[in-house]
């Protein structure tokens, strides 16, 4: 059985995002999204989230932080 946890992040506490993709995640269209926070334990990760969904979540959570790095269609 896998362990799961839920974390509520304050948007103004997020100071950065990390997006990583293993070769298997890349093939499956997934990634690991990490929210870096100024306090607490540092980084909170959402593993195996849809790549586009994760980027949209990060952009919506902290508007403007990822904008220079996102391609828009």
PDB file of N, CA and C in Angstrom:
ATOM      1  N   UNK A   1       0.839  -1.168   0.000  1.00  0.00           N
ATOM      2  CA  UNK A   1       0.000   0.000   0.000  1.00  0.00           C
ATOM      3  C   UNK A   1       0.889   1.238   0.000  1.00  0.00           C
ATOM      4  N   UNK A   2       0.515   2.222  -0.795  1.00  0.00           N
ATOM      5  CA  UNK A   2       1.281   3.461  -0.899  1.00  0.00           C
ATOM      6  C   UNK A   2       0.815   4.453   0.165  1.00  0.00           C
ATOM      7  N   UNK A   3       1.754   5.214   0.672  1.00  0.00           N
ATOM      8  CA  UNK A   3       1.424   6.250   1.651  1.00  0.00           C
ATOM      9  C   UNK A   3       1.065   7.526   0.903  1.00  0.00           C
ATOM     10  N   UNK A   4       0.038   8.216   1.371  1.00  0.00           N
ATOM     11  CA  UNK A   4      -0.393   9.476   0.775  1.00  0.00           C
ATOM     12  C   UNK A   4      -0.501  10.527   1.853  1.00  0.00           C
ATOM     13  N   UNK A   5      -0.319  11.757   1.465  1.00  0.00           N
ATOM     14  CA  UNK A   5      -0.502  12.857   2.403  1.00  0.00           C
ATOM     15  C   UNK A   5      -1.074  14.052   1.653  1.00  0.00           C
ATOM     16  N   UNK A   6      -1.672  14.952   2.391  1.00  0.00           N
ATOM     17  CA  UNK A   6      -2.249  16.154   1.817  1.00  0.00           C
ATOM     18  C   UNK A   6      -1.599  17.358   2.482  1.00  0.00           C
ATOM     19  N   UNK A   7      -1.239  18.333   1.663  1.00  0.00           N
ATOM     20  CA  UNK A   7      -0.617  19.554   2.163  1.00  0.00           C
ATOM     21  C   UNK A   7      -1.377  20.737   1.589  1.00  0.00           C
ATOM     22  N   UNK A   8      -1.706  21.695   2.425  1.00  0.00           N
ATOM     23  CA  UNK A   8      -2.318  22.941   1.966  1.00  0.00           C
ATOM     24  C   UNK A   8      -1.238  24.017   1.955  1.00  0.00           C
ATOM     25  N   UNK A   9      -0.994  24.578   0.794  1.00  0.00           N
ATOM     26  CA  UNK A   9       0.038  25.599   0.662  1.00  0.00           C
ATOM     27  C   UNK A   9      -0.596  26.986   0.596  1.00  0.00           C
ATOM     28  N   UNK A  10       0.018  27.931   1.276  1.00  0.00           N
ATOM     29  CA  UNK A  10      -0.388  29.328   1.115  1.00  0.00           C
ATOM     30  C   UNK A  10       0.313  29.843  -0.138  1.00  0.00           C
ATOM     31  N   UNK A  11      -0.456  30.404  -1.029  1.00  0.00           N
ATOM     32  CA  UNK A  11       0.108  30.869  -2.297  1.00  0.00           C
ATOM     33  C   UNK A  11       1.254  31.851  -2.104  1.00  0.00           C
ATOM     34  N   UNK A  12       1.121  32.741  -1.123  1.00  0.00           N
ATOM     35  CA  UNK A  12       2.181  33.728  -0.927  1.00  0.00           C
ATOM     36  C   UNK A  12       3.430  33.147  -0.274  1.00  0.00           C
ATOM     37  N   UNK A  13       3.370  31.891   0.166  1.00  0.00           N
ATOM     38  CA  UNK A  13       4.548  31.243   0.745  1.00  0.00           C
ATOM     39  C   UNK A  13       5.396  30.539  -0.310  1.00  0.00           C
ATOM     40  N   UNK A  14       4.844  30.317  -1.503  1.00  0.00           N
ATOM     41  CA  UNK A  14       5.577  29.633  -2.565  1.00  0.00           C
ATOM     42  C   UNK A  14       6.551  30.613  -3.204  1.00  0.00           C
ATOM     43  N   UNK A  15       7.843  30.254  -3.183  1.00  0.00           N
ATOM     44  CA  UNK A  15       8.867  31.130  -3.751  1.00  0.00           C
ATOM     45  C   UNK A  15       9.480  30.550  -5.024  1.00  0.00           C
ATOM     46  N   UNK A  16       9.106  29.342  -5.369  1.00  0.00           N
ATOM     47  CA  UNK A  16       9.647  28.753  -6.593  1.00  0.00           C
ATOM     48  C   UNK A  16       9.029  27.400  -6.887  1.00  0.00           C
ATOM     49  N   UNK A  17       9.227  26.939  -8.113  1.00  0.00           N
ATOM     50  CA  UNK A  17       8.727  25.640  -8.558  1.00  0.00           C
ATOM     51  C   UNK A  17       9.865  24.856  -9.184  1.00  0.00           C
ATOM     52  N   UNK A  18       9.853  23.549  -8.989  1.00  0.00           N
ATOM     53  CA  UNK A  18      10.756  22.663  -9.719  1.00  0.00           C
ATOM     54  C   UNK A  18       9.905  21.645 -10.463  1.00  0.00           C
ATOM     55  N   UNK A  19      10.304  21.365 -11.680  1.00  0.00           N
ATOM     56  CA  UNK A  19       9.618  20.369 -12.491  1.00  0.00           C
ATOM     57  C   UNK A  19      10.668  19.376 -12.954  1.00  0.00           C
ATOM     58  N   UNK A  20      10.496  18.125 -12.570  1.00  0.00           N
ATOM     59  CA  UNK A  20      11.429  17.084 -12.993  1.00  0.00           C
ATOM     60  C   UNK A  20      10.657  15.972 -13.686  1.00  0.00           C
ATOM     61  N   UNK A  21      11.355  15.304 -14.615  1.00  0.00           N
ATOM     62  CA  UNK A  21      10.733  14.218 -15.372  1.00  0.00           C
ATOM     63  C   UNK A  21      11.755  13.114 -15.590  1.00  0.00           C
ATOM     64  N   UNK A  22      11.425  11.927 -15.128  1.00  0.00           N
ATOM     65  CA  UNK A  22      12.268  10.766 -15.423  1.00  0.00           C
ATOM     66  C   UNK A  22      11.940  10.315 -16.843  1.00  0.00           C
ATOM     67  N   UNK A  23      12.778   9.476 -17.430  1.00  0.00           N
ATOM     68  CA  UNK A  23      12.461   8.967 -18.771  1.00  0.00           C
ATOM     69  C   UNK A  23      11.102   8.260 -18.826  1.00  0.00           C
ATOM     70  N   UNK A  24      10.757   7.514 -17.791  1.00  0.00           N
ATOM     71  CA  UNK A  24       9.456   6.833 -17.774  1.00  0.00           C
ATOM     72  C   UNK A  24       8.304   7.830 -17.659  1.00  0.00           C
ATOM     73  N   UNK A  25       8.493   8.849 -16.831  1.00  0.00           N
ATOM     74  CA  UNK A  25       7.461   9.878 -16.700  1.00  0.00           C
ATOM     75  C   UNK A  25       7.287  10.618 -18.035  1.00  0.00           C
ATOM     76  N   UNK A  26       8.399  10.906 -18.687  1.00  0.00           N
ATOM     77  CA  UNK A  26       8.331  11.621 -19.961  1.00  0.00           C
ATOM     78  C   UNK A  26       7.516  10.843 -20.989  1.00  0.00           C
ATOM     79  N   UNK A  27       7.755   9.539 -21.076  1.00  0.00           N
ATOM     80  CA  UNK A  27       7.009   8.696 -22.014  1.00  0.00           C
ATOM     81  C   UNK A  27       5.524   8.673 -21.685  1.00  0.00           C
ATOM     82  N   UNK A  28       5.205   8.730 -20.396  1.00  0.00           N
ATOM     83  CA  UNK A  28       3.804   8.667 -19.957  1.00  0.00           C
ATOM     84  C   UNK A  28       3.142  10.046 -19.900  1.00  0.00           C
ATOM     85  N   UNK A  29       3.892  11.129 -20.177  1.00  0.00           N
ATOM     86  CA  UNK A  29       3.322  12.476 -20.123  1.00  0.00           C
ATOM     87  C   UNK A  29       3.152  12.998 -18.709  1.00  0.00           C
ATOM     88  N   UNK A  30       3.973  12.483 -17.781  1.00  0.00           N
ATOM     89  CA  UNK A  30       3.878  12.865 -16.373  1.00  0.00           C
ATOM     90  C   UNK A  30       5.116  13.640 -15.939  1.00  0.00           C
ATOM     91  N   UNK A  31       5.042  14.251 -14.761  1.00  0.00           N
ATOM     92  CA  UNK A  31       6.196  14.920 -14.162  1.00  0.00           C
ATOM     93  C   UNK A  31       6.005  14.986 -12.657  1.00  0.00           C
ATOM     94  N   UNK A  32       7.051  15.426 -11.975  1.00  0.00           N
ATOM     95  CA  UNK A  32       6.986  15.677 -10.537  1.00  0.00           C
ATOM     96  C   UNK A  32       7.105  17.182 -10.355  1.00  0.00           C
ATOM     97  N   UNK A  33       6.109  17.769  -9.719  1.00  0.00           N
ATOM     98  CA  UNK A  33       6.053  19.212  -9.496  1.00  0.00           C
ATOM     99  C   UNK A  33       6.392  19.481  -8.038  1.00  0.00           C
ATOM    100  N   UNK A  34       7.366  20.333  -7.797  1.00  0.00           N
ATOM    101  CA  UNK A  34       7.765  20.666  -6.433  1.00  0.00           C
ATOM    102  C   UNK A  34       7.543  22.134  -6.138  1.00  0.00           C
ATOM    103  N   UNK A  35       6.807  22.427  -5.082  1.00  0.00           N
ATOM    104  CA  UNK A  35       6.589  23.801  -4.639  1.00  0.00           C
ATOM    105  C   UNK A  35       7.603  24.114  -3.545  1.00  0.00           C
ATOM    106  N   UNK A  36       8.476  25.064  -3.801  1.00  0.00           N
ATOM    107  CA  UNK A  36       9.464  25.486  -2.818  1.00  0.00           C
ATOM    108  C   UNK A  36       8.847  26.582  -1.969  1.00  0.00           C
ATOM    109  N   UNK A  37       8.864  26.377  -0.664  1.00  0.00           N
ATOM    110  CA  UNK A  37       8.275  27.359   0.249  1.00  0.00           C
ATOM    111  C   UNK A  37       9.350  27.960   1.142  1.00  0.00           C
ATOM    112  N   UNK A  38       9.107  29.181   1.580  1.00  0.00           N
ATOM    113  CA  UNK A  38      10.087  29.908   2.378  1.00  0.00           C
ATOM    114  C   UNK A  38      10.245  29.317   3.773  1.00  0.00           C
ATOM    115  N   UNK A  39       9.200  28.758   4.303  1.00  0.00           N
ATOM    116  CA  UNK A  39       9.255  28.205   5.660  1.00  0.00           C
ATOM    117  C   UNK A  39       8.897  26.727   5.609  1.00  0.00           C
ATOM    118  N   UNK A  40       8.805  26.111   6.737  1.00  0.00           N
ATOM    119  CA  UNK A  40       8.388  24.718   6.848  1.00  0.00           C
ATOM    120  C   UNK A  40       9.491  23.793   6.365  1.00  0.00           C
ATOM    121  N   UNK A  41       9.131  22.755   5.634  1.00  0.00           N
ATOM    122  CA  UNK A  41      10.098  21.721   5.278  1.00  0.00           C
ATOM    123  C   UNK A  41      10.750  21.922   3.917  1.00  0.00           C
ATOM    124  N   UNK A  42      10.596  23.060   3.309  1.00  0.00           N
ATOM    125  CA  UNK A  42      11.307  23.332   2.072  1.00  0.00           C
ATOM    126  C   UNK A  42      10.527  23.094   0.802  1.00  0.00           C
ATOM    127  N   UNK A  43      10.366  21.819   0.367  1.00  0.00           N
ATOM    128  CA  UNK A  43       9.714  21.506  -0.899  1.00  0.00           C
ATOM    129  C   UNK A  43       8.598  20.493  -0.687  1.00  0.00           C
ATOM    130  N   UNK A  44       7.455  20.778  -1.284  1.00  0.00           N
ATOM    131  CA  UNK A  44       6.334  19.832  -1.267  1.00  0.00           C
ATOM    132  C   UNK A  44       6.138  19.361  -2.699  1.00  0.00           C
ATOM    133  N   UNK A  45       6.131  18.043  -2.895  1.00  0.00           N
ATOM    134  CA  UNK A  45       6.093  17.481  -4.244  1.00  0.00           C
ATOM    135  C   UNK A  45       4.771  16.797  -4.564  1.00  0.00           C
ATOM    136  N   UNK A  46       4.346  16.975  -5.811  1.00  0.00           N
ATOM    137  CA  UNK A  46       3.222  16.226  -6.375  1.00  0.00           C
ATOM    138  C   UNK A  46       3.835  15.325  -7.443  1.00  0.00           C
ATOM    139  N   UNK A  47       3.876  14.038  -7.160  1.00  0.00           N
ATOM    140  CA  UNK A  47       4.524  13.091  -8.074  1.00  0.00           C
ATOM    141  C   UNK A  47       3.522  12.543  -9.082  1.00  0.00           C
ATOM    142  N   UNK A  48       4.021  12.277 -10.264  1.00  0.00           N
ATOM    143  CA  UNK A  48       3.241  11.657 -11.337  1.00  0.00           C
ATOM    144  C   UNK A  48       1.966  12.421 -11.662  1.00  0.00           C
ATOM    145  N   UNK A  49       2.101  13.721 -11.754  1.00  0.00           N
ATOM    146  CA  UNK A  49       0.985  14.569 -12.180  1.00  0.00           C
ATOM    147  C   UNK A  49       1.126  14.768 -13.688  1.00  0.00           C
ATOM    148  N   UNK A  50       0.013  14.889 -14.386  1.00  0.00           N
ATOM    149  CA  UNK A  50       0.074  15.165 -15.819  1.00  0.00           C
ATOM    150  C   UNK A  50       0.920  16.412 -16.057  1.00  0.00           C
ATOM    151  N   UNK A  51       1.836  16.349 -17.013  1.00  0.00           N
ATOM    152  CA  UNK A  51       2.788  17.447 -17.203  1.00  0.00           C
ATOM    153  C   UNK A  51       2.078  18.779 -17.448  1.00  0.00           C
ATOM    154  N   UNK A  52       1.158  18.823 -18.396  1.00  0.00           N
ATOM    155  CA  UNK A  52       0.424  20.063 -18.694  1.00  0.00           C
ATOM    156  C   UNK A  52      -0.410  20.503 -17.505  1.00  0.00           C
ATOM    157  N   UNK A  53      -1.030  19.538 -16.832  1.00  0.00           N
ATOM    158  CA  UNK A  53      -1.860  19.836 -15.664  1.00  0.00           C
ATOM    159  C   UNK A  53      -1.016  20.439 -14.547  1.00  0.00           C
ATOM    160  N   UNK A  54       0.173  19.903 -14.325  1.00  0.00           N
ATOM    161  CA  UNK A  54       1.058  20.411 -13.281  1.00  0.00           C
ATOM    162  C   UNK A  54       1.522  21.831 -13.558  1.00  0.00           C
ATOM    163  N   UNK A  55       1.878  22.107 -14.812  1.00  0.00           N
ATOM    164  CA  UNK A  55       2.303  23.464 -15.163  1.00  0.00           C
ATOM    165  C   UNK A  55       1.156  24.453 -15.024  1.00  0.00           C
ATOM    166  N   UNK A  56      -0.034  24.036 -15.423  1.00  0.00           N
ATOM    167  CA  UNK A  56      -1.209  24.910 -15.278  1.00  0.00           C
ATOM    168  C   UNK A  56      -1.502  25.173 -13.804  1.00  0.00           C
ATOM    169  N   UNK A  57      -1.383  24.141 -12.969  1.00  0.00           N
ATOM    170  CA  UNK A  57      -1.598  24.291 -11.531  1.00  0.00           C
ATOM    171  C   UNK A  57      -0.606  25.287 -10.942  1.00  0.00           C
ATOM    172  N   UNK A  58       0.663  25.148 -11.287  1.00  0.00           N
ATOM    173  CA  UNK A  58       1.693  26.050 -10.765  1.00  0.00           C
ATOM    174  C   UNK A  58       1.458  27.481 -11.231  1.00  0.00           C
ATOM    175  N   UNK A  59       1.083  27.650 -12.492  1.00  0.00           N
ATOM    176  CA  UNK A  59       0.843  28.985 -13.027  1.00  0.00           C
ATOM    177  C   UNK A  59      -0.375  29.633 -12.384  1.00  0.00           C
ATOM    178  N   UNK A  60      -1.399  28.849 -12.112  1.00  0.00           N
ATOM    179  CA  UNK A  60      -2.600  29.381 -11.474  1.00  0.00           C
ATOM    180  C   UNK A  60      -2.368  29.681  -9.996  1.00  0.00           C
ATOM    181  N   UNK A  61      -1.572  28.851  -9.333  1.00  0.00           N
ATOM    182  CA  UNK A  61      -1.329  29.032  -7.893  1.00  0.00           C
ATOM    183  C   UNK A  61      -0.538  30.303  -7.609  1.00  0.00           C
ATOM    184  N   UNK A  62       0.473  30.572  -8.414  1.00  0.00           N
ATOM    185  CA  UNK A  62       1.298  31.764  -8.227  1.00  0.00           C
ATOM    186  C   UNK A  62       1.427  32.456  -9.581  1.00  0.00           C
ATOM    187  N   UNK A  63       0.433  33.264  -9.951  1.00  0.00           N
ATOM    188  CA  UNK A  63       0.442  33.905 -11.270  1.00  0.00           C
ATOM    189  C   UNK A  63       1.698  34.738 -11.502  1.00  0.00           C
ATOM    190  N   UNK A  64       2.259  34.567 -12.688  1.00  0.00           N
ATOM    191  CA  UNK A  64       3.414  35.366 -13.079  1.00  0.00           C
ATOM    192  C   UNK A  64       4.760  34.735 -12.784  1.00  0.00           C
ATOM    193  N   UNK A  65       4.839  33.806 -11.856  1.00  0.00           N
ATOM    194  CA  UNK A  65       6.131  33.232 -11.481  1.00  0.00           C
ATOM    195  C   UNK A  65       6.712  32.374 -12.605  1.00  0.00           C
ATOM    196  N   UNK A  66       5.884  31.584 -13.267  1.00  0.00           N
ATOM    197  CA  UNK A  66       6.353  30.719 -14.350  1.00  0.00           C
ATOM    198  C   UNK A  66       6.160  31.319 -15.735  1.00  0.00           C
ATOM    199  N   UNK A  67       5.476  32.434 -15.836  1.00  0.00           N
ATOM    200  CA  UNK A  67       5.109  33.005 -17.136  1.00  0.00           C
ATOM    201  C   UNK A  67       6.281  33.100 -18.113  1.00  0.00           C
ATOM    202  N   UNK A  68       7.464  33.546 -17.701  1.00  0.00           N
ATOM    203  CA  UNK A  68       8.562  33.645 -18.670  1.00  0.00           C
ATOM    204  C   UNK A  68       9.021  32.280 -19.205  1.00  0.00           C
ATOM    205  N   UNK A  69       8.646  31.209 -18.554  1.00  0.00           N
ATOM    206  CA  UNK A  69       9.143  29.901 -18.924  1.00  0.00           C
ATOM    207  C   UNK A  69       8.099  29.037 -19.636  1.00  0.00           C
ATOM    208  N   UNK A  70       6.869  29.524 -19.775  1.00  0.00           N
ATOM    209  CA  UNK A  70       5.793  28.738 -20.380  1.00  0.00           C
ATOM    210  C   UNK A  70       5.571  29.141 -21.832  1.00  0.00           C
ATOM    211  N   UNK A  71       5.352  28.141 -22.680  1.00  0.00           N
ATOM    212  CA  UNK A  71       4.989  28.376 -24.064  1.00  0.00           C
ATOM    213  C   UNK A  71       3.473  28.391 -24.155  1.00  0.00           C
ATOM    214  N   UNK A  72       2.933  29.378 -24.828  1.00  0.00           N
ATOM    215  CA  UNK A  72       1.483  29.477 -24.999  1.00  0.00           C
ATOM    216  C   UNK A  72       1.147  29.162 -26.440  1.00  0.00           C
ATOM    217  N   UNK A  73       0.047  28.431 -26.643  1.00  0.00           N
ATOM    218  CA  UNK A  73      -0.410  28.122 -28.007  1.00  0.00           C
ATOM    219  C   UNK A  73      -1.381  29.146 -28.485  1.00  0.00           C
TER     220      UNK A  73
END
